[in-house]
Amino acid sequence: MTRASKPADKGVRLQKILSHAGVSSRRVAEELIRQGRVEVNGKVADELGTRAAPEDDDIRVDGRRLKFTSDRRYYLMYKPRGVVSTRSDPQQRLTVIDVLSKAGIKGYFYPVGRLDYDSEGLIILTNDGAFAEKVTHPKHELERAYEVAVTGMPDTRDLERLSRGIVIDSRRTMPAKVRVIHQYPDKKEPQTLIEIVIKEGRNRQVRKMCEQTGHHVISLKRTRIGAITDKRIKPGQVRELSPDEVKGLNKA
């Protein structure tokens, strides 16, 4: 397969086209381009500056031609534990797309943000790349709330460390909101349920924060994304976001 020629000034950047087509966010689209998985008119386009005309050019990702639609859809899922929040998985584990399919929802959707394999809770899926980019971009500092069961009984100093920010992977986390929901001192191994609200989405951030205080994470559940929460939705269930919910996330 030949490569696409050096980009001209005309047209639209490929990562923007992929985002608007609902393939992925722009950041993920950039990775798809780097990996040589995008073709324009039969030629591999692996340079980030590549431009194309979506109305004229044949643009494909993994051999699949892009289809442009104005039908933007937004879903809220309660991701169960043991499910990966990606479109596919090299280890053949169950993905959020599999869960969508079981719920009878077809189409090219992808998750907005991440929720790790061992965690459960709320995650949004959409075919609107511009929306996903806006919601996940760090500059918007969209709040995400988690209920975390940890070993032991975190003291005031531990909670203050979590609130102020903790250095993980050589970088300090942003300040967080932390509160104790309940303590279980009478269990064979004492446990505490705490709520942590953060405004950034670094890889396994909440788990790493808790581990830094010496309290191992037993379970972790995301309970809120911005103003979006739903105590009625159960693991594996999916519902469509209301227009007001989508509008609220865009404003947030």
C-alpha atoms as a PDB file:
ATOM      1  CA  MET A   1       0.000   0.000   0.000  1.00  0.00           C
ATOM      2  CA  THR A   2       1.432   3.400  -0.975  1.00  0.00           C
ATOM      3  CA  ARG A   3       1.430   6.413   1.268  1.00  0.00           C
ATOM      4  CA  ALA A   4      -0.596   9.536   0.758  1.00  0.00           C
ATOM      5  CA  SER A   5       1.404  12.407  -0.676  1.00  0.00           C
ATOM      6  CA  LYS A   6       2.475  15.308   1.498  1.00  0.00           C
ATOM      7  CA  PRO A   7      -0.617  17.270   2.573  1.00  0.00           C
ATOM      8  CA  ALA A   8      -1.696  20.356   0.709  1.00  0.00           C
ATOM      9  CA  ASP A   9      -3.198  23.418   2.346  1.00  0.00           C
ATOM     10  CA  LYS A  10      -6.655  22.554   1.054  1.00  0.00           C
ATOM     11  CA  GLY A  11      -9.153  20.320   2.806  1.00  0.00           C
ATOM     12  CA  VAL A  12      -9.671  19.418   6.456  1.00  0.00           C
ATOM     13  CA  ARG A  13      -7.207  17.715   8.785  1.00  0.00           C
ATOM     14  CA  LEU A  14      -7.845  13.986   8.981  1.00  0.00           C
ATOM     15  CA  GLN A  15      -8.105  13.864  12.787  1.00  0.00           C
ATOM     16  CA  LYS A  16     -10.905  16.431  12.622  1.00  0.00           C
ATOM     17  CA  ILE A  17     -12.678  14.459   9.899  1.00  0.00           C
ATOM     18  CA  LEU A  18     -12.463  11.232  11.913  1.00  0.00           C
ATOM     19  CA  SER A  19     -13.754  13.009  14.988  1.00  0.00           C
ATOM     20  CA  HIS A  20     -16.734  14.541  13.210  1.00  0.00           C
ATOM     21  CA  ALA A  21     -17.505  11.204  11.569  1.00  0.00           C
ATOM     22  CA  GLY A  22     -17.867   9.669  15.015  1.00  0.00           C
ATOM     23  CA  VAL A  23     -14.852   7.368  14.687  1.00  0.00           C
ATOM     24  CA  SER A  24     -13.037   8.662  17.760  1.00  0.00           C
ATOM     25  CA  SER A  25     -11.920  11.749  19.608  1.00  0.00           C
ATOM     26  CA  ARG A  26      -9.226  13.799  17.881  1.00  0.00           C
ATOM     27  CA  ARG A  27      -6.521  12.489  20.200  1.00  0.00           C
ATOM     28  CA  VAL A  28      -7.417   8.877  19.428  1.00  0.00           C
ATOM     29  CA  ALA A  29      -7.703   9.756  15.737  1.00  0.00           C
ATOM     30  CA  GLU A  30      -4.118  11.021  15.803  1.00  0.00           C
ATOM     31  CA  GLU A  31      -2.980   7.640  17.109  1.00  0.00           C
ATOM     32  CA  LEU A  32      -4.946   5.833  14.383  1.00  0.00           C
ATOM     33  CA  ILE A  33      -3.164   7.981  11.795  1.00  0.00           C
ATOM     34  CA  ARG A  34       0.270   7.339  13.321  1.00  0.00           C
ATOM     35  CA  GLN A  35      -0.420   3.599  13.227  1.00  0.00           C
ATOM     36  CA  GLY A  36      -1.116   3.755   9.488  1.00  0.00           C
ATOM     37  CA  ARG A  37      -4.708   2.597   9.902  1.00  0.00           C
ATOM     38  CA  VAL A  38      -6.196   5.476   7.880  1.00  0.00           C
ATOM     39  CA  GLU A  39      -6.301   5.594   4.070  1.00  0.00           C
ATOM     40  CA  VAL A  40      -7.269   8.399   1.711  1.00  0.00           C
ATOM     41  CA  ASN A  41      -8.148   7.349  -1.824  1.00  0.00           C
ATOM     42  CA  GLY A  42      -6.363   4.028  -1.377  1.00  0.00           C
ATOM     43  CA  LYS A  43      -3.157   5.469   0.079  1.00  0.00           C
ATOM     44  CA  VAL A  44      -2.001   5.211   3.695  1.00  0.00           C
ATOM     45  CA  ALA A  45      -2.162   8.608   5.420  1.00  0.00           C
ATOM     46  CA  ASP A  46       0.161   8.342   8.432  1.00  0.00           C
ATOM     47  CA  GLU A  47       1.151  12.010   8.751  1.00  0.00           C
ATOM     48  CA  LEU A  48      -0.800  14.127  11.217  1.00  0.00           C
ATOM     49  CA  GLY A  49      -0.879  17.095   8.843  1.00  0.00           C
ATOM     50  CA  THR A  50      -2.692  15.142   6.124  1.00  0.00           C
ATOM     51  CA  ARG A  51      -5.802  16.872   4.802  1.00  0.00           C
ATOM     52  CA  ALA A  52      -8.745  15.557   2.848  1.00  0.00           C
ATOM     53  CA  ALA A  53     -12.132  16.605   1.504  1.00  0.00           C
ATOM     54  CA  PRO A  54     -14.769  14.475   3.240  1.00  0.00           C
ATOM     55  CA  GLU A  55     -17.349  15.183   0.528  1.00  0.00           C
ATOM     56  CA  ASP A  56     -15.016  14.078  -2.301  1.00  0.00           C
ATOM     57  CA  ASP A  57     -12.356  11.702  -0.958  1.00  0.00           C
ATOM     58  CA  ASP A  58     -12.604   8.011  -0.092  1.00  0.00           C
ATOM     59  CA  ILE A  59     -11.506   7.941   3.564  1.00  0.00           C
ATOM     60  CA  ARG A  60     -11.184   4.600   5.331  1.00  0.00           C
ATOM     61  CA  VAL A  61     -10.214   3.403   8.806  1.00  0.00           C
ATOM     62  CA  ASP A  62      -9.088  -0.220   9.041  1.00  0.00           C
ATOM     63  CA  GLY A  63     -10.487  -0.675   5.531  1.00  0.00           C
ATOM     64  CA  ARG A  64     -13.934   0.607   6.474  1.00  0.00           C
ATOM     65  CA  ARG A  65     -15.171   3.655   4.558  1.00  0.00           C
ATOM     66  CA  LEU A  66     -16.328   6.574   6.677  1.00  0.00           C
ATOM     67  CA  LYS A  67     -20.005   7.401   6.663  1.00  0.00           C
ATOM     68  CA  PHE A  68     -20.972  10.892   7.689  1.00  0.00           C
ATOM     69  CA  THR A  69     -24.205  11.235   9.596  1.00  0.00           C
ATOM     70  CA  SER A  70     -26.025  13.977  11.438  1.00  0.00           C
ATOM     71  CA  ASP A  71     -27.615  11.404  13.742  1.00  0.00           C
ATOM     72  CA  ARG A  72     -25.657  12.062  16.930  1.00  0.00           C
ATOM     73  CA  ARG A  73     -26.429   9.668  19.779  1.00  0.00           C
ATOM     74  CA  TYR A  74     -25.332   9.608  23.403  1.00  0.00           C
ATOM     75  CA  TYR A  75     -25.633   6.730  25.852  1.00  0.00           C
ATOM     76  CA  LEU A  76     -24.968   6.268  29.549  1.00  0.00           C
ATOM     77  CA  MET A  77     -23.759   2.810  30.527  1.00  0.00           C
ATOM     78  CA  TYR A  78     -23.121   1.197  33.878  1.00  0.00           C
ATOM     79  CA  LYS A  79     -19.916  -0.630  33.009  1.00  0.00           C
ATOM     80  CA  PRO A  80     -19.577  -3.870  34.990  1.00  0.00           C
ATOM     81  CA  ARG A  81     -16.264  -5.046  36.409  1.00  0.00           C
ATOM     82  CA  GLY A  82     -14.377  -7.260  33.992  1.00  0.00           C
ATOM     83  CA  VAL A  83     -15.210  -5.163  30.923  1.00  0.00           C
ATOM     84  CA  VAL A  84     -12.671  -3.015  29.068  1.00  0.00           C
ATOM     85  CA  SER A  85     -13.624   0.511  28.023  1.00  0.00           C
ATOM     86  CA  THR A  86     -12.272   0.239  24.466  1.00  0.00           C
ATOM     87  CA  ARG A  87     -13.802  -0.672  21.113  1.00  0.00           C
ATOM     88  CA  SER A  88     -11.736  -3.865  20.858  1.00  0.00           C
ATOM     89  CA  ASP A  89      -9.318  -5.833  22.995  1.00  0.00           C
ATOM     90  CA  PRO A  90      -6.274  -7.880  21.891  1.00  0.00           C
ATOM     91  CA  GLN A  91      -6.923 -10.300  24.770  1.00  0.00           C
ATOM     92  CA  GLN A  92     -10.475 -10.900  23.554  1.00  0.00           C
ATOM     93  CA  ARG A  93     -12.004  -9.637  26.783  1.00  0.00           C
ATOM     94  CA  LEU A  94     -15.540  -8.259  26.878  1.00  0.00           C
ATOM     95  CA  THR A  95     -15.694  -4.598  25.807  1.00  0.00           C
ATOM     96  CA  VAL A  96     -18.189  -1.792  26.338  1.00  0.00           C
ATOM     97  CA  ILE A  97     -19.096  -2.203  22.651  1.00  0.00           C
ATOM     98  CA  ASP A  98     -20.080  -5.810  23.381  1.00  0.00           C
ATOM     99  CA  VAL A  99     -22.287  -4.554  26.215  1.00  0.00           C
ATOM    100  CA  LEU A 100     -23.890  -2.026  23.854  1.00  0.00           C
ATOM    101  CA  SER A 101     -24.541  -4.762  21.323  1.00  0.00           C
ATOM    102  CA  LYS A 102     -26.188  -6.980  23.957  1.00  0.00           C
ATOM    103  CA  ALA A 103     -28.459  -4.037  24.760  1.00  0.00           C
ATOM    104  CA  GLY A 104     -29.536  -4.005  21.105  1.00  0.00           C
ATOM    105  CA  ILE A 105     -27.661  -0.820  20.166  1.00  0.00           C
ATOM    106  CA  LYS A 106     -25.875  -0.973  16.832  1.00  0.00           C
ATOM    107  CA  GLY A 107     -23.570   1.500  15.145  1.00  0.00           C
ATOM    108  CA  TYR A 108     -20.044   2.884  15.408  1.00  0.00           C
ATOM    109  CA  PHE A 109     -19.798   4.146  18.991  1.00  0.00           C
ATOM    110  CA  TYR A 110     -16.831   4.647  21.265  1.00  0.00           C
ATOM    111  CA  PRO A 111     -16.361   5.403  24.970  1.00  0.00           C
ATOM    112  CA  VAL A 112     -15.837   8.938  26.244  1.00  0.00           C
ATOM    113  CA  GLY A 113     -12.886   8.645  28.608  1.00  0.00           C
ATOM    114  CA  ARG A 114     -11.732   5.523  30.410  1.00  0.00           C
ATOM    115  CA  LEU A 115     -12.797   3.298  33.280  1.00  0.00           C
ATOM    116  CA  ASP A 116     -10.353   0.508  34.017  1.00  0.00           C
ATOM    117  CA  TYR A 117     -11.049  -3.217  33.747  1.00  0.00           C
ATOM    118  CA  ASP A 118     -11.382  -3.812  37.505  1.00  0.00           C
ATOM    119  CA  SER A 119     -13.630  -0.798  38.091  1.00  0.00           C
ATOM    120  CA  GLU A 120     -17.357  -0.359  37.526  1.00  0.00           C
ATOM    121  CA  GLY A 121     -19.774   2.493  37.113  1.00  0.00           C
ATOM    122  CA  LEU A 122     -20.892   5.167  34.713  1.00  0.00           C
ATOM    123  CA  ILE A 123     -19.351   5.733  31.301  1.00  0.00           C
ATOM    124  CA  ILE A 124     -20.660   7.611  28.266  1.00  0.00           C
ATOM    125  CA  LEU A 125     -20.596   6.257  24.718  1.00  0.00           C
ATOM    126  CA  THR A 126     -21.294   8.314  21.609  1.00  0.00           C
ATOM    127  CA  ASN A 127     -20.748   8.692  17.876  1.00  0.00           C
ATOM    128  CA  ASP A 128     -20.157  12.456  18.270  1.00  0.00           C
ATOM    129  CA  GLY A 129     -16.420  13.083  18.127  1.00  0.00           C
ATOM    130  CA  ALA A 130     -16.622  16.810  18.825  1.00  0.00           C
ATOM    131  CA  PHE A 131     -18.682  16.153  21.968  1.00  0.00           C
ATOM    132  CA  ALA A 132     -16.232  13.487  23.182  1.00  0.00           C
ATOM    133  CA  GLU A 133     -13.284  15.813  22.642  1.00  0.00           C
ATOM    134  CA  LYS A 134     -14.959  18.587  24.613  1.00  0.00           C
ATOM    135  CA  VAL A 135     -15.947  16.354  27.540  1.00  0.00           C
ATOM    136  CA  THR A 136     -12.544  14.675  27.898  1.00  0.00           C
ATOM    137  CA  HIS A 137     -10.265  17.666  27.317  1.00  0.00           C
ATOM    138  CA  PRO A 138      -8.329  18.447  30.555  1.00  0.00           C
ATOM    139  CA  LYS A 139      -8.864  22.201  30.244  1.00  0.00           C
ATOM    140  CA  HIS A 140     -12.587  21.817  30.989  1.00  0.00           C
ATOM    141  CA  GLU A 141     -11.901  20.049  34.330  1.00  0.00           C
ATOM    142  CA  LEU A 142     -15.151  18.098  34.264  1.00  0.00           C
ATOM    143  CA  GLU A 143     -15.821  16.531  37.669  1.00  0.00           C
ATOM    144  CA  ARG A 144     -15.993  12.754  38.077  1.00  0.00           C
ATOM    145  CA  ALA A 145     -17.071  11.181  41.372  1.00  0.00           C
ATOM    146  CA  TYR A 146     -16.014   7.762  42.646  1.00  0.00           C
ATOM    147  CA  GLU A 147     -17.017   5.602  45.592  1.00  0.00           C
ATOM    148  CA  VAL A 148     -13.937   3.725  46.718  1.00  0.00           C
ATOM    149  CA  ALA A 149     -13.738   0.934  49.298  1.00  0.00           C
ATOM    150  CA  VAL A 150     -10.236   0.796  50.778  1.00  0.00           C
ATOM    151  CA  THR A 151      -8.503  -1.304  53.396  1.00  0.00           C
ATOM    152  CA  GLY A 152      -7.964   0.211  56.816  1.00  0.00           C
ATOM    153  CA  MET A 153      -9.177   3.475  58.295  1.00  0.00           C
ATOM    154  CA  PRO A 154      -7.738   6.549  56.546  1.00  0.00           C
ATOM    155  CA  ASP A 155      -7.007   9.249  59.117  1.00  0.00           C
ATOM    156  CA  THR A 156      -7.270  13.015  58.777  1.00  0.00           C
ATOM    157  CA  ARG A 157      -3.745  13.251  57.360  1.00  0.00           C
ATOM    158  CA  ASP A 158      -4.523  10.668  54.684  1.00  0.00           C
ATOM    159  CA  LEU A 159      -7.685  12.496  53.649  1.00  0.00           C
ATOM    160  CA  GLU A 160      -5.852  15.831  53.546  1.00  0.00           C
ATOM    161  CA  ARG A 161      -3.153  14.332  51.306  1.00  0.00           C
ATOM    162  CA  LEU A 162      -5.796  13.067  48.901  1.00  0.00           C
ATOM    163  CA  SER A 163      -7.523  16.460  48.930  1.00  0.00           C
ATOM    164  CA  ARG A 164      -4.367  18.513  48.348  1.00  0.00           C
ATOM    165  CA  GLY A 165      -2.985  16.294  45.608  1.00  0.00           C
ATOM    166  CA  ILE A 166      -0.524  13.414  45.530  1.00  0.00           C
ATOM    167  CA  VAL A 167       2.524  12.913  43.346  1.00  0.00           C
ATOM    168  CA  ILE A 168       2.010   9.916  41.068  1.00  0.00           C
ATOM    169  CA  ASP A 169       4.181   9.166  38.053  1.00  0.00           C
ATOM    170  CA  SER A 170       6.345  12.216  38.897  1.00  0.00           C
ATOM    171  CA  ARG A 171       3.417  14.644  38.686  1.00  0.00           C
ATOM    172  CA  ARG A 172       1.095  15.966  41.380  1.00  0.00           C
ATOM    173  CA  THR A 173      -2.620  15.419  40.980  1.00  0.00           C
ATOM    174  CA  MET A 174      -5.004  18.353  41.060  1.00  0.00           C
ATOM    175  CA  PRO A 175      -6.845  19.076  44.336  1.00  0.00           C
ATOM    176  CA  ALA A 176      -9.750  16.691  44.940  1.00  0.00           C
ATOM    177  CA  LYS A 177     -12.878  16.597  47.082  1.00  0.00           C
ATOM    178  CA  VAL A 178     -12.728  13.754  49.599  1.00  0.00           C
ATOM    179  CA  ARG A 179     -15.165  12.577  52.249  1.00  0.00           C
ATOM    180  CA  VAL A 180     -15.721   9.455  54.325  1.00  0.00           C
ATOM    181  CA  ILE A 181     -19.051   7.780  53.546  1.00  0.00           C
ATOM    182  CA  HIS A 182     -18.841   4.917  56.030  1.00  0.00           C
ATOM    183  CA  GLN A 183     -16.329   2.979  58.087  1.00  0.00           C
ATOM    184  CA  TYR A 184     -16.408  -0.726  58.903  1.00  0.00           C
ATOM    185  CA  PRO A 185     -14.073  -1.220  61.900  1.00  0.00           C
ATOM    186  CA  ASP A 186     -15.652  -4.536  62.921  1.00  0.00           C
ATOM    187  CA  LYS A 187     -14.840  -6.437  59.741  1.00  0.00           C
ATOM    188  CA  LYS A 188     -12.111  -9.088  59.861  1.00  0.00           C
ATOM    189  CA  GLU A 189     -10.072  -6.536  57.918  1.00  0.00           C
ATOM    190  CA  PRO A 190     -11.278  -2.980  58.690  1.00  0.00           C
ATOM    191  CA  GLN A 191     -12.496  -1.096  55.634  1.00  0.00           C
ATOM    192  CA  THR A 192     -13.590   2.425  54.737  1.00  0.00           C
ATOM    193  CA  LEU A 193     -15.878   3.662  51.965  1.00  0.00           C
ATOM    194  CA  ILE A 194     -14.844   7.105  50.737  1.00  0.00           C
ATOM    195  CA  GLU A 195     -15.948   9.420  47.948  1.00  0.00           C
ATOM    196  CA  ILE A 196     -13.299  11.050  45.785  1.00  0.00           C
ATOM    197  CA  VAL A 197     -14.189  13.738  43.231  1.00  0.00           C
ATOM    198  CA  ILE A 198     -11.494  14.619  40.692  1.00  0.00           C
ATOM    199  CA  LYS A 199     -11.253  16.906  37.664  1.00  0.00           C
ATOM    200  CA  GLU A 200      -8.700  15.005  35.610  1.00  0.00           C
ATOM    201  CA  GLY A 201      -8.587  11.541  34.107  1.00  0.00           C
ATOM    202  CA  ARG A 202      -5.066  10.156  34.396  1.00  0.00           C
ATOM    203  CA  ASN A 203      -4.591   6.406  34.033  1.00  0.00           C
ATOM    204  CA  ARG A 204      -5.828   4.542  37.148  1.00  0.00           C
ATOM    205  CA  GLN A 205      -5.532   7.830  39.013  1.00  0.00           C
ATOM    206  CA  VAL A 206      -7.876   7.179  41.942  1.00  0.00           C
ATOM    207  CA  ARG A 207      -6.352   3.761  42.609  1.00  0.00           C
ATOM    208  CA  LYS A 208      -2.835   5.190  42.574  1.00  0.00           C
ATOM    209  CA  MET A 209      -3.826   8.051  44.873  1.00  0.00           C
ATOM    210  CA  CYS A 210      -5.229   5.674  47.468  1.00  0.00           C
ATOM    211  CA  GLU A 211      -2.261   3.323  47.218  1.00  0.00           C
ATOM    212  CA  GLN A 212       0.059   6.264  47.946  1.00  0.00           C
ATOM    213  CA  THR A 213      -1.653   6.705  51.322  1.00  0.00           C
ATOM    214  CA  GLY A 214      -1.148   3.017  52.144  1.00  0.00           C
ATOM    215  CA  HIS A 215      -4.776   2.010  51.695  1.00  0.00           C
ATOM    216  CA  HIS A 216      -5.358  -0.726  49.110  1.00  0.00           C
ATOM    217  CA  VAL A 217      -8.407  -0.332  46.850  1.00  0.00           C
ATOM    218  CA  ILE A 218     -10.918  -3.154  47.309  1.00  0.00           C
ATOM    219  CA  SER A 219     -13.505  -1.838  44.864  1.00  0.00           C
ATOM    220  CA  LEU A 220     -14.022   1.311  42.830  1.00  0.00           C
ATOM    221  CA  LYS A 221     -17.221   2.665  41.288  1.00  0.00           C
ATOM    222  CA  ARG A 222     -17.743   5.829  39.246  1.00  0.00           C
ATOM    223  CA  THR A 223     -21.015   7.411  40.345  1.00  0.00           C
ATOM    224  CA  ARG A 224     -21.078  10.752  38.530  1.00  0.00           C
ATOM    225  CA  ILE A 225     -19.785  12.411  35.345  1.00  0.00           C
ATOM    226  CA  GLY A 226     -20.302  16.169  35.544  1.00  0.00           C
ATOM    227  CA  ALA A 227     -23.924  16.461  36.671  1.00  0.00           C
ATOM    228  CA  ILE A 228     -24.840  13.052  35.209  1.00  0.00           C
ATOM    229  CA  THR A 229     -25.729  10.411  37.792  1.00  0.00           C
ATOM    230  CA  ASP A 230     -28.270   7.594  37.934  1.00  0.00           C
ATOM    231  CA  LYS A 231     -28.751   5.357  40.970  1.00  0.00           C
ATOM    232  CA  ARG A 232     -31.340   3.226  39.157  1.00  0.00           C
ATOM    233  CA  ILE A 233     -29.098   1.938  36.385  1.00  0.00           C
ATOM    234  CA  LYS A 234     -27.586  -1.498  37.063  1.00  0.00           C
ATOM    235  CA  PRO A 235     -24.362  -3.154  35.833  1.00  0.00           C
ATOM    236  CA  GLY A 236     -24.644  -3.905  32.125  1.00  0.00           C
ATOM    237  CA  GLN A 237     -27.596  -1.574  31.574  1.00  0.00           C
ATOM    238  CA  VAL A 238     -27.589   1.282  29.064  1.00  0.00           C
ATOM    239  CA  ARG A 239     -29.872   4.265  28.577  1.00  0.00           C
ATOM    240  CA  GLU A 240     -29.874   7.224  26.219  1.00  0.00           C
ATOM    241  CA  LEU A 241     -28.861  10.577  27.622  1.00  0.00           C
ATOM    242  CA  SER A 242     -31.597  13.197  27.507  1.00  0.00           C
ATOM    243  CA  PRO A 243     -31.095  16.355  25.403  1.00  0.00           C
ATOM    244  CA  ASP A 244     -30.839  18.354  28.640  1.00  0.00           C
ATOM    245  CA  GLU A 245     -28.109  16.039  29.946  1.00  0.00           C
ATOM    246  CA  VAL A 246     -26.114  16.386  26.730  1.00  0.00           C
ATOM    247  CA  LYS A 247     -26.595  20.143  26.786  1.00  0.00           C
ATOM    248  CA  GLY A 248     -25.480  20.274  30.416  1.00  0.00           C
ATOM    249  CA  LEU A 249     -22.283  18.354  29.676  1.00  0.00           C
ATOM    250  CA  ASN A 250     -21.508  20.649  26.745  1.00  0.00           C
ATOM    251  CA  LYS A 251     -21.928  23.683  28.989  1.00  0.00           C
ATOM    252  CA  ALA A 252     -19.892  22.145  31.801  1.00  0.00           C
END
